[in-house]
N, C-alpha and C. Protein backbone atom coordinates (compact mmCIF):
# COMPACT_ATOMS: atom_id res chain seq x y z
N MET A 1 -17.97 -9.08 -8.53
CA MET A 1 -17.70 -8.91 -10.19
C MET A 1 -15.59 -8.56 -10.46
N THR A 2 -16.19 -7.58 -9.74
CA THR A 2 -14.23 -7.71 -9.44
C THR A 2 -13.10 -8.39 -8.92
N GLU A 3 -13.99 -9.01 -7.99
CA GLU A 3 -12.94 -10.65 -8.07
C GLU A 3 -12.82 -11.36 -8.81
N GLN A 4 -13.67 -11.38 -9.69
CA GLN A 4 -13.59 -12.81 -10.85
C GLN A 4 -13.17 -12.21 -11.85
N VAL A 5 -13.23 -10.88 -12.34
CA VAL A 5 -12.25 -10.26 -13.44
C VAL A 5 -10.58 -10.24 -12.81
N ILE A 6 -10.46 -9.91 -11.28
CA ILE A 6 -8.87 -10.54 -11.15
C ILE A 6 -8.97 -11.52 -11.30
N PHE A 7 -9.46 -12.10 -10.81
CA PHE A 7 -9.56 -13.98 -10.69
C PHE A 7 -8.65 -14.89 -12.28
N ASP A 8 -10.08 -13.92 -13.30
CA ASP A 8 -9.45 -14.68 -14.33
C ASP A 8 -7.94 -13.75 -14.87
N LEU A 9 -8.17 -12.62 -14.60
CA LEU A 9 -6.77 -11.77 -15.32
C LEU A 9 -5.56 -12.73 -14.71
N ALA A 10 -5.99 -13.74 -13.63
CA ALA A 10 -4.46 -14.29 -12.81
C ALA A 10 -4.68 -15.23 -13.63
N ARG A 11 -5.43 -16.38 -14.45
CA ARG A 11 -5.84 -17.59 -15.00
C ARG A 11 -4.67 -17.49 -15.90
N VAL A 12 -5.07 -16.31 -16.71
CA VAL A 12 -4.96 -16.23 -17.97
C VAL A 12 -3.29 -15.18 -17.91
N THR A 13 -2.95 -15.07 -17.23
CA THR A 13 -1.30 -14.50 -17.13
C THR A 13 -0.96 -14.92 -15.77
N SER A 14 0.49 -14.13 -15.57
CA SER A 14 1.41 -14.03 -14.07
C SER A 14 1.25 -13.71 -13.33
N PHE A 15 -0.25 -12.31 -13.60
CA PHE A 15 -0.81 -11.42 -11.61
C PHE A 15 -1.03 -12.27 -11.36
N LYS A 16 -0.48 -11.30 -9.91
CA LYS A 16 -1.12 -12.40 -8.75
C LYS A 16 -1.60 -11.42 -7.67
N TYR A 17 -2.42 -11.71 -7.15
CA TYR A 17 -3.63 -10.69 -6.54
C TYR A 17 -3.57 -10.99 -5.16
N ILE A 18 -4.01 -10.56 -3.55
CA ILE A 18 -5.34 -10.99 -2.78
C ILE A 18 -6.30 -9.60 -2.33
N ALA A 19 -7.36 -10.61 -2.38
CA ALA A 19 -8.47 -9.68 -2.57
C ALA A 19 -8.68 -9.53 -0.92
N LEU A 20 -8.97 -8.31 -0.32
CA LEU A 20 -9.29 -8.18 1.10
C LEU A 20 -10.91 -7.69 0.69
N ARG A 21 -11.83 -8.73 2.05
CA ARG A 21 -13.11 -8.47 1.77
C ARG A 21 -13.52 -7.66 3.34
N TYR A 22 -13.35 -6.38 3.34
CA TYR A 22 -13.24 -5.53 3.97
C TYR A 22 -15.09 -6.00 5.38
N PHE A 23 -14.98 -5.86 6.28
CA PHE A 23 -16.28 -5.47 7.29
C PHE A 23 -16.28 -4.08 7.56
N ASN A 24 -16.17 -4.06 8.69
CA ASN A 24 -17.06 -2.32 9.27
C ASN A 24 -15.64 -2.17 9.84
N VAL A 25 -14.79 -0.76 9.49
CA VAL A 25 -13.79 -0.03 9.66
C VAL A 25 -13.97 1.29 9.70
N ALA A 26 -13.18 1.11 10.98
CA ALA A 26 -14.40 1.93 12.30
C ALA A 26 -13.15 2.76 12.75
N GLY A 27 -12.63 4.21 13.56
CA GLY A 27 -11.69 4.37 14.30
C GLY A 27 -10.56 5.40 13.74
N ALA A 28 -9.50 6.18 14.04
CA ALA A 28 -9.02 6.46 13.61
C ALA A 28 -6.92 6.03 13.79
N ASP A 29 -6.10 6.42 12.97
CA ASP A 29 -5.04 5.94 13.65
C ASP A 29 -3.64 6.81 14.64
N PRO A 30 -3.36 6.64 15.97
CA PRO A 30 -3.29 7.45 16.81
C PRO A 30 -2.56 8.80 16.49
N GLN A 31 -1.37 8.99 15.41
CA GLN A 31 -1.32 10.15 14.67
C GLN A 31 -2.40 10.97 14.07
N GLY A 32 -3.60 10.27 13.88
CA GLY A 32 -4.81 11.39 12.54
C GLY A 32 -4.95 11.16 11.62
N GLU A 33 -3.96 10.45 10.96
CA GLU A 33 -3.34 10.36 10.07
C GLU A 33 -4.42 8.98 8.58
N LEU A 34 -5.46 8.18 9.54
CA LEU A 34 -6.15 7.68 9.17
C LEU A 34 -7.17 7.77 9.83
N GLY A 35 -8.73 7.84 9.18
CA GLY A 35 -9.77 7.67 9.19
C GLY A 35 -11.22 8.78 9.46
N GLU A 36 -12.08 8.56 9.62
CA GLU A 36 -13.20 9.30 8.65
C GLU A 36 -12.39 10.47 8.72
N ARG A 37 -13.39 11.36 7.17
CA ARG A 37 -13.33 12.71 7.32
C ARG A 37 -14.10 13.29 6.82
N LYS A 38 -14.93 12.39 5.96
CA LYS A 38 -16.30 12.45 4.93
C LYS A 38 -17.24 13.57 6.35
N PRO A 39 -17.47 15.16 5.78
CA PRO A 39 -18.10 15.53 6.10
C PRO A 39 -19.85 14.77 7.08
N ALA A 40 -20.58 13.42 5.36
CA ALA A 40 -21.43 13.48 5.48
C ALA A 40 -21.15 11.41 5.97
N ALA A 41 -20.63 11.35 6.93
CA ALA A 41 -20.28 10.28 7.21
C ALA A 41 -21.70 9.33 7.55
N THR A 42 -22.26 8.24 7.58
CA THR A 42 -22.89 6.94 7.46
C THR A 42 -22.71 6.33 8.79
N HIS A 43 -21.49 5.99 9.31
CA HIS A 43 -20.95 5.11 9.42
C HIS A 43 -21.21 5.57 11.02
N LEU A 44 -21.71 4.09 12.36
CA LEU A 44 -22.25 4.30 13.61
C LEU A 44 -21.44 4.73 14.15
N VAL A 45 -19.99 4.37 14.18
CA VAL A 45 -18.83 4.68 15.83
C VAL A 45 -18.42 6.77 14.74
N THR A 46 -18.48 7.27 13.76
CA THR A 46 -18.23 8.80 13.84
C THR A 46 -19.60 8.77 13.82
N LEU A 47 -20.80 8.48 13.90
CA LEU A 47 -21.70 9.14 14.40
C LEU A 47 -21.89 9.43 15.53
N ALA A 48 -21.95 8.38 16.19
CA ALA A 48 -22.15 8.32 17.71
C ALA A 48 -20.94 9.02 18.21
N VAL A 49 -20.04 9.15 17.82
CA VAL A 49 -18.78 9.98 18.55
C VAL A 49 -19.22 11.28 17.97
N ARG A 50 -18.87 11.78 16.60
CA ARG A 50 -20.61 13.12 16.80
C ARG A 50 -21.27 13.39 17.94
N ALA A 51 -22.18 12.54 17.91
CA ALA A 51 -24.21 12.66 19.23
C ALA A 51 -22.96 12.55 20.03
N ALA A 52 -21.91 12.13 20.64
CA ALA A 52 -21.72 12.80 22.07
C ALA A 52 -20.64 14.40 22.23
N ALA A 53 -20.14 14.71 21.40
CA ALA A 53 -19.32 15.86 21.09
C ALA A 53 -20.45 16.60 20.82
N GLY A 54 -21.63 16.57 20.77
CA GLY A 54 -23.05 17.47 20.93
C GLY A 54 -22.90 18.18 19.10
N LYS A 55 -22.33 17.32 18.27
CA LYS A 55 -21.94 18.10 17.47
C LYS A 55 -23.69 17.82 16.31
N ILE A 56 -24.03 16.45 16.74
CA ILE A 56 -24.87 15.91 15.69
C ILE A 56 -25.95 14.83 16.29
N PRO A 57 -27.05 15.37 16.45
CA PRO A 57 -28.13 14.51 16.97
C PRO A 57 -27.48 12.50 15.93
N LEU A 58 -28.19 12.02 17.40
CA LEU A 58 -27.53 10.62 16.75
C LEU A 58 -28.62 10.15 15.53
N PRO A 59 -28.45 10.32 14.59
CA PRO A 59 -29.71 9.67 13.49
C PRO A 59 -29.98 8.12 14.41
N GLY A 60 -31.23 7.56 13.75
CA GLY A 60 -31.92 6.70 14.66
C GLY A 60 -31.41 4.96 15.03
N VAL A 61 -31.00 4.41 15.93
CA VAL A 61 -31.00 3.11 15.81
C VAL A 61 -32.20 2.04 15.00
N TYR A 62 -31.65 1.28 13.28
CA TYR A 62 -32.26 0.81 12.78
C TYR A 62 -32.93 -0.10 13.57
N GLY A 63 -33.64 -0.99 13.94
CA GLY A 63 -34.42 -2.47 14.05
C GLY A 63 -33.43 -2.48 15.90
N THR A 64 -34.73 -2.72 16.19
CA THR A 64 -34.37 -3.60 17.90
C THR A 64 -35.53 -4.54 18.54
N ASP A 65 -35.55 -5.34 17.48
CA ASP A 65 -36.54 -6.22 17.50
C ASP A 65 -35.39 -7.78 16.70
N TYR A 66 -33.83 -8.11 16.51
CA TYR A 66 -33.68 -8.57 15.67
C TYR A 66 -33.22 -9.52 16.59
N PRO A 67 -33.40 -11.25 16.24
CA PRO A 67 -32.90 -12.05 17.60
C PRO A 67 -30.86 -12.31 18.00
N THR A 68 -30.93 -10.62 18.45
CA THR A 68 -29.74 -11.00 19.26
C THR A 68 -29.78 -10.52 20.43
N PRO A 69 -28.80 -10.59 21.42
CA PRO A 69 -29.14 -10.44 22.40
C PRO A 69 -29.59 -9.11 23.01
N ASP A 70 -29.25 -8.06 22.46
CA ASP A 70 -30.00 -6.73 23.01
C ASP A 70 -30.94 -6.99 21.99
N GLY A 71 -31.41 -6.82 20.74
CA GLY A 71 -32.18 -6.53 19.75
C GLY A 71 -31.92 -5.70 18.56
N THR A 72 -30.32 -5.03 18.55
CA THR A 72 -30.09 -4.77 17.36
C THR A 72 -29.04 -5.77 16.95
N CYS A 73 -28.75 -4.97 15.45
CA CYS A 73 -27.79 -5.25 14.64
C CYS A 73 -26.49 -5.67 15.16
N LEU A 74 -25.73 -7.02 14.85
CA LEU A 74 -24.20 -7.69 15.20
C LEU A 74 -23.56 -7.24 13.98
N ARG A 75 -22.67 -6.14 13.72
CA ARG A 75 -21.24 -6.02 13.37
C ARG A 75 -19.79 -6.81 13.82
N ASP A 76 -19.29 -7.25 12.60
CA ASP A 76 -17.45 -7.52 13.09
C ASP A 76 -17.08 -5.97 12.91
N TYR A 77 -16.53 -4.48 13.95
CA TYR A 77 -15.89 -3.41 13.41
C TYR A 77 -13.98 -3.83 13.76
N ILE A 78 -13.90 -3.12 12.41
CA ILE A 78 -12.44 -3.07 12.78
C ILE A 78 -11.26 -2.11 12.03
N HIS A 79 -10.31 -2.35 12.98
CA HIS A 79 -9.83 -0.23 13.40
C HIS A 79 -9.01 -0.22 12.02
N VAL A 80 -9.33 1.12 11.63
CA VAL A 80 -8.99 1.85 10.47
C VAL A 80 -6.66 1.35 10.27
N SER A 81 -7.01 1.48 12.11
CA SER A 81 -5.24 0.80 11.77
C SER A 81 -4.53 -0.53 11.21
N ASP A 82 -5.58 -1.78 11.71
CA ASP A 82 -5.25 -2.92 11.97
C ASP A 82 -5.87 -3.33 9.78
N LEU A 83 -6.21 -2.76 9.31
CA LEU A 83 -6.88 -2.84 8.02
C LEU A 83 -5.66 -2.19 7.15
N ALA A 84 -5.15 -0.87 7.38
CA ALA A 84 -3.93 -1.12 7.20
C ALA A 84 -2.49 -2.29 7.29
N GLU A 85 -2.44 -2.81 8.57
CA GLU A 85 -1.29 -3.91 8.91
C GLU A 85 -2.26 -4.94 7.94
N ALA A 86 -3.62 -5.50 7.99
CA ALA A 86 -3.48 -6.82 7.03
C ALA A 86 -3.37 -6.32 5.00
N HIS A 87 -3.16 -5.23 5.12
CA HIS A 87 -3.01 -4.94 3.66
C HIS A 87 -1.40 -5.09 3.49
N LEU A 88 -0.75 -4.92 4.87
CA LEU A 88 0.75 -4.82 4.22
C LEU A 88 1.49 -6.18 4.61
N THR A 89 0.20 -7.04 5.65
CA THR A 89 0.19 -8.81 5.30
C THR A 89 0.35 -9.18 4.32
N ALA A 90 -0.97 -8.96 3.26
CA ALA A 90 -0.97 -9.89 2.26
C ALA A 90 0.25 -9.57 1.20
N LEU A 91 0.41 -8.16 1.44
CA LEU A 91 1.93 -7.98 0.36
C LEU A 91 3.20 -8.94 0.78
N GLU A 92 3.38 -8.42 2.14
CA GLU A 92 4.49 -9.59 2.16
C GLU A 92 3.70 -11.28 1.75
N HIS A 93 2.77 -11.63 2.26
CA HIS A 93 2.74 -13.49 1.39
C HIS A 93 2.92 -13.05 0.50
N LEU A 94 2.20 -12.39 -0.56
CA LEU A 94 2.28 -12.60 -2.42
C LEU A 94 3.71 -12.37 -2.24
N GLN A 95 5.04 -11.33 -1.87
CA GLN A 95 6.34 -11.40 -2.01
C GLN A 95 7.11 -12.42 -0.89
N ALA A 96 6.28 -13.26 -0.35
CA ALA A 96 7.36 -14.44 0.54
C ALA A 96 7.15 -15.64 -0.76
N GLY A 97 6.07 -15.74 -1.80
CA GLY A 97 5.85 -16.46 -2.52
C GLY A 97 4.39 -17.31 -3.19
N GLY A 98 3.73 -16.80 -2.07
CA GLY A 98 2.10 -16.90 -1.88
C GLY A 98 1.18 -16.91 -3.13
N GLU A 99 0.48 -18.21 -2.91
CA GLU A 99 -0.39 -18.13 -3.66
C GLU A 99 -1.18 -17.02 -3.52
N SER A 100 -2.18 -16.45 -4.55
CA SER A 100 -3.43 -15.81 -5.31
C SER A 100 -4.26 -16.05 -4.03
N ASP A 101 -5.29 -14.86 -3.31
CA ASP A 101 -6.47 -15.26 -2.76
C ASP A 101 -7.00 -14.24 -2.70
N VAL A 102 -8.42 -14.78 -1.43
CA VAL A 102 -9.78 -13.44 -1.02
C VAL A 102 -9.41 -14.15 0.22
N PHE A 103 -9.75 -13.20 1.05
CA PHE A 103 -9.36 -13.65 2.71
C PHE A 103 -10.49 -11.80 3.41
N ASN A 104 -10.94 -13.25 4.21
CA ASN A 104 -12.10 -11.53 4.75
C ASN A 104 -11.12 -10.96 5.69
N VAL A 105 -11.42 -9.41 5.90
CA VAL A 105 -10.35 -8.59 7.00
C VAL A 105 -10.99 -8.54 8.26
N GLY A 106 -11.34 -8.89 9.26
CA GLY A 106 -12.10 -8.90 10.68
C GLY A 106 -11.75 -9.08 11.44
N TYR A 107 -12.02 -9.22 13.22
CA TYR A 107 -11.71 -9.75 13.74
C TYR A 107 -13.00 -11.37 14.28
N GLY A 108 -13.34 -11.56 13.27
CA GLY A 108 -14.60 -12.50 14.16
C GLY A 108 -15.48 -12.75 15.01
N ARG A 109 -15.63 -11.26 15.30
CA ARG A 109 -16.18 -11.71 16.76
C ARG A 109 -17.42 -9.69 16.38
N GLY A 110 -18.92 -9.82 16.54
CA GLY A 110 -19.46 -9.00 16.07
C GLY A 110 -19.80 -8.22 18.05
N TYR A 111 -20.13 -6.83 17.28
CA TYR A 111 -20.34 -6.13 18.47
C TYR A 111 -22.05 -5.38 18.07
N SER A 112 -23.16 -5.78 18.83
CA SER A 112 -24.24 -5.06 18.56
C SER A 112 -23.95 -3.69 18.62
N VAL A 113 -25.54 -2.76 17.57
CA VAL A 113 -24.67 -1.85 17.66
C VAL A 113 -25.57 -0.57 19.07
N LEU A 114 -26.03 -1.38 19.75
CA LEU A 114 -26.56 -0.42 21.54
C LEU A 114 -25.27 -0.47 22.32
N ALA A 115 -24.83 -2.32 22.00
CA ALA A 115 -23.09 -1.88 22.47
C ALA A 115 -22.13 -1.00 22.02
N VAL A 116 -22.25 -0.55 20.97
CA VAL A 116 -21.53 0.53 20.46
C VAL A 116 -21.55 1.59 20.96
N VAL A 117 -22.53 2.35 21.13
CA VAL A 117 -23.35 3.46 21.79
C VAL A 117 -23.13 3.33 22.82
N GLU A 118 -22.79 2.38 23.92
CA GLU A 118 -22.96 2.73 24.94
C GLU A 118 -21.28 1.96 25.29
N MET A 119 -20.28 1.96 24.46
CA MET A 119 -18.89 1.60 24.75
C MET A 119 -18.21 3.57 24.12
N VAL A 120 -18.92 3.91 23.19
CA VAL A 120 -18.77 5.61 23.39
C VAL A 120 -19.26 6.75 24.26
N ARG A 121 -20.39 6.33 24.96
CA ARG A 121 -20.59 6.57 25.82
C ARG A 121 -19.78 7.32 26.98
N GLN A 122 -19.30 5.98 27.40
CA GLN A 122 -18.34 5.27 28.13
C GLN A 122 -16.38 5.61 27.55
N VAL A 123 -16.67 5.78 26.70
CA VAL A 123 -15.34 5.83 26.80
C VAL A 123 -15.31 7.46 26.94
N THR A 124 -16.76 8.04 26.06
CA THR A 124 -16.06 10.11 26.16
C THR A 124 -16.70 10.34 27.40
N GLY A 125 -17.46 9.51 27.74
CA GLY A 125 -18.45 10.28 29.42
C GLY A 125 -19.20 11.11 29.06
N ARG A 126 -19.97 11.04 28.40
CA ARG A 126 -20.74 11.76 26.76
C ARG A 126 -22.37 11.30 27.01
N ASP A 127 -23.29 11.35 27.60
CA ASP A 127 -24.78 10.58 26.88
C ASP A 127 -24.92 11.61 25.99
N PHE A 128 -25.73 10.87 24.96
CA PHE A 128 -27.06 11.56 23.88
C PHE A 128 -27.89 10.56 23.43
N VAL A 129 -29.02 11.43 23.44
CA VAL A 129 -30.21 10.26 23.12
C VAL A 129 -29.45 9.51 21.81
N VAL A 130 -30.32 8.41 22.30
CA VAL A 130 -30.39 6.98 21.60
C VAL A 130 -32.32 6.98 20.78
N VAL A 131 -32.40 6.98 19.59
CA VAL A 131 -34.18 6.72 18.88
C VAL A 131 -33.97 6.21 17.92
N PRO A 132 -34.34 4.63 19.08
CA PRO A 132 -35.16 3.38 18.41
C PRO A 132 -35.93 3.39 16.87
N THR A 133 -35.86 3.19 15.50
CA THR A 133 -36.47 3.18 14.83
C THR A 133 -36.96 2.25 13.99
N GLY A 134 -36.68 1.86 12.97
CA GLY A 134 -37.96 0.69 12.13
C GLY A 134 -36.38 0.16 11.49
N ARG A 135 -36.49 -0.95 11.21
CA ARG A 135 -35.25 -2.05 10.58
C ARG A 135 -35.50 -1.34 9.38
N ARG A 136 -34.40 -1.46 8.58
CA ARG A 136 -33.65 -0.99 7.38
C ARG A 136 -33.79 -2.04 6.18
N PRO A 137 -34.95 -1.69 5.19
CA PRO A 137 -34.93 -3.31 4.65
C PRO A 137 -33.36 -3.67 3.81
N GLY A 138 -33.48 -4.99 4.39
CA GLY A 138 -32.25 -5.75 3.51
C GLY A 138 -30.76 -5.64 5.03
N ASP A 139 -30.88 -5.29 5.85
CA ASP A 139 -30.26 -5.73 6.84
C ASP A 139 -30.25 -6.71 7.30
N PRO A 140 -29.00 -8.29 7.53
CA PRO A 140 -29.16 -8.71 7.99
C PRO A 140 -29.04 -8.68 9.84
N PRO A 141 -29.54 -9.67 10.33
CA PRO A 141 -29.33 -9.66 12.29
C PRO A 141 -27.63 -9.80 11.83
N ALA A 142 -27.10 -10.27 11.73
CA ALA A 142 -25.13 -10.13 11.95
C ALA A 142 -25.08 -10.54 10.38
N LEU A 143 -23.63 -9.83 10.78
CA LEU A 143 -22.71 -9.95 9.55
C LEU A 143 -21.42 -9.97 10.76
N VAL A 144 -20.87 -10.86 10.40
CA VAL A 144 -18.90 -11.24 11.19
C VAL A 144 -18.33 -12.07 10.49
N ALA A 145 -16.93 -11.60 10.23
CA ALA A 145 -16.00 -12.46 9.67
C ALA A 145 -15.72 -13.44 10.02
N ASP A 146 -15.63 -14.06 8.85
CA ASP A 146 -14.72 -16.00 9.25
C ASP A 146 -14.20 -15.45 8.73
N VAL A 147 -13.14 -15.45 9.52
CA VAL A 147 -11.50 -15.24 10.15
C VAL A 147 -10.42 -16.68 9.66
N ALA A 148 -10.96 -17.77 9.68
CA ALA A 148 -10.25 -18.71 10.00
C ALA A 148 -9.03 -19.17 8.78
N LYS A 149 -9.87 -18.19 7.84
CA LYS A 149 -9.25 -18.79 6.35
C LYS A 149 -7.50 -17.64 7.11
N SER A 150 -7.96 -16.44 6.98
CA SER A 150 -7.25 -15.37 7.10
C SER A 150 -5.98 -15.70 8.38
N ARG A 151 -6.38 -15.73 9.54
CA ARG A 151 -5.78 -16.30 10.51
C ARG A 151 -4.53 -17.72 10.16
N ALA A 152 -4.87 -18.46 9.54
CA ALA A 152 -3.85 -19.36 8.83
C ALA A 152 -3.28 -19.44 8.43
N GLN A 153 -4.09 -18.82 7.26
CA GLN A 153 -2.36 -18.64 5.89
C GLN A 153 -2.13 -17.32 6.38
N LEU A 154 -2.33 -15.75 7.22
CA LEU A 154 -2.42 -14.60 6.50
C LEU A 154 -1.34 -14.36 8.49
N ASN A 155 -2.38 -15.39 9.27
CA ASN A 155 -1.60 -14.94 11.27
C ASN A 155 -2.27 -14.04 11.04
N PHE A 156 -3.08 -13.80 10.65
CA PHE A 156 -3.88 -12.36 10.61
C PHE A 156 -5.69 -12.14 11.01
N PRO A 157 -6.25 -11.88 12.31
CA PRO A 157 -6.13 -10.97 12.91
C PRO A 157 -4.93 -11.34 14.44
N LEU A 158 -3.88 -10.71 15.30
CA LEU A 158 -3.46 -12.02 15.01
C LEU A 158 -4.15 -11.93 17.21
């Protein structure tokens, strides 16, 4: 709905815009200025890192029977620093006279829940319990950004 309001505004005024559709934002920048800071975070990467640090038990892995290689959902995760870069790229596009538009912001490839958990284990050198639970209602097997338009028109992601 917000995109439609912005589109309508741009149609009747000289307002120019770029709408970025984020996928799964994860990580923190090297200086620690950007990243997850909510104590009650629900994002997989944050929860897995906290579980590896022994701060929390990893909540259940929702669904292990999806039609994916390991049975868990596939998601397109984008690093928060790259998301910031996407915003700058979008602004530069508009400053250079580019047209208003909507772009997906991701990498165009998916990683399963269990692959993310395994990567956290490898990076931290810590093991932690993973408890499979039932699917969450409405969760699709895969959500991966189609970045063809972003790549062609904004040269993002690189």
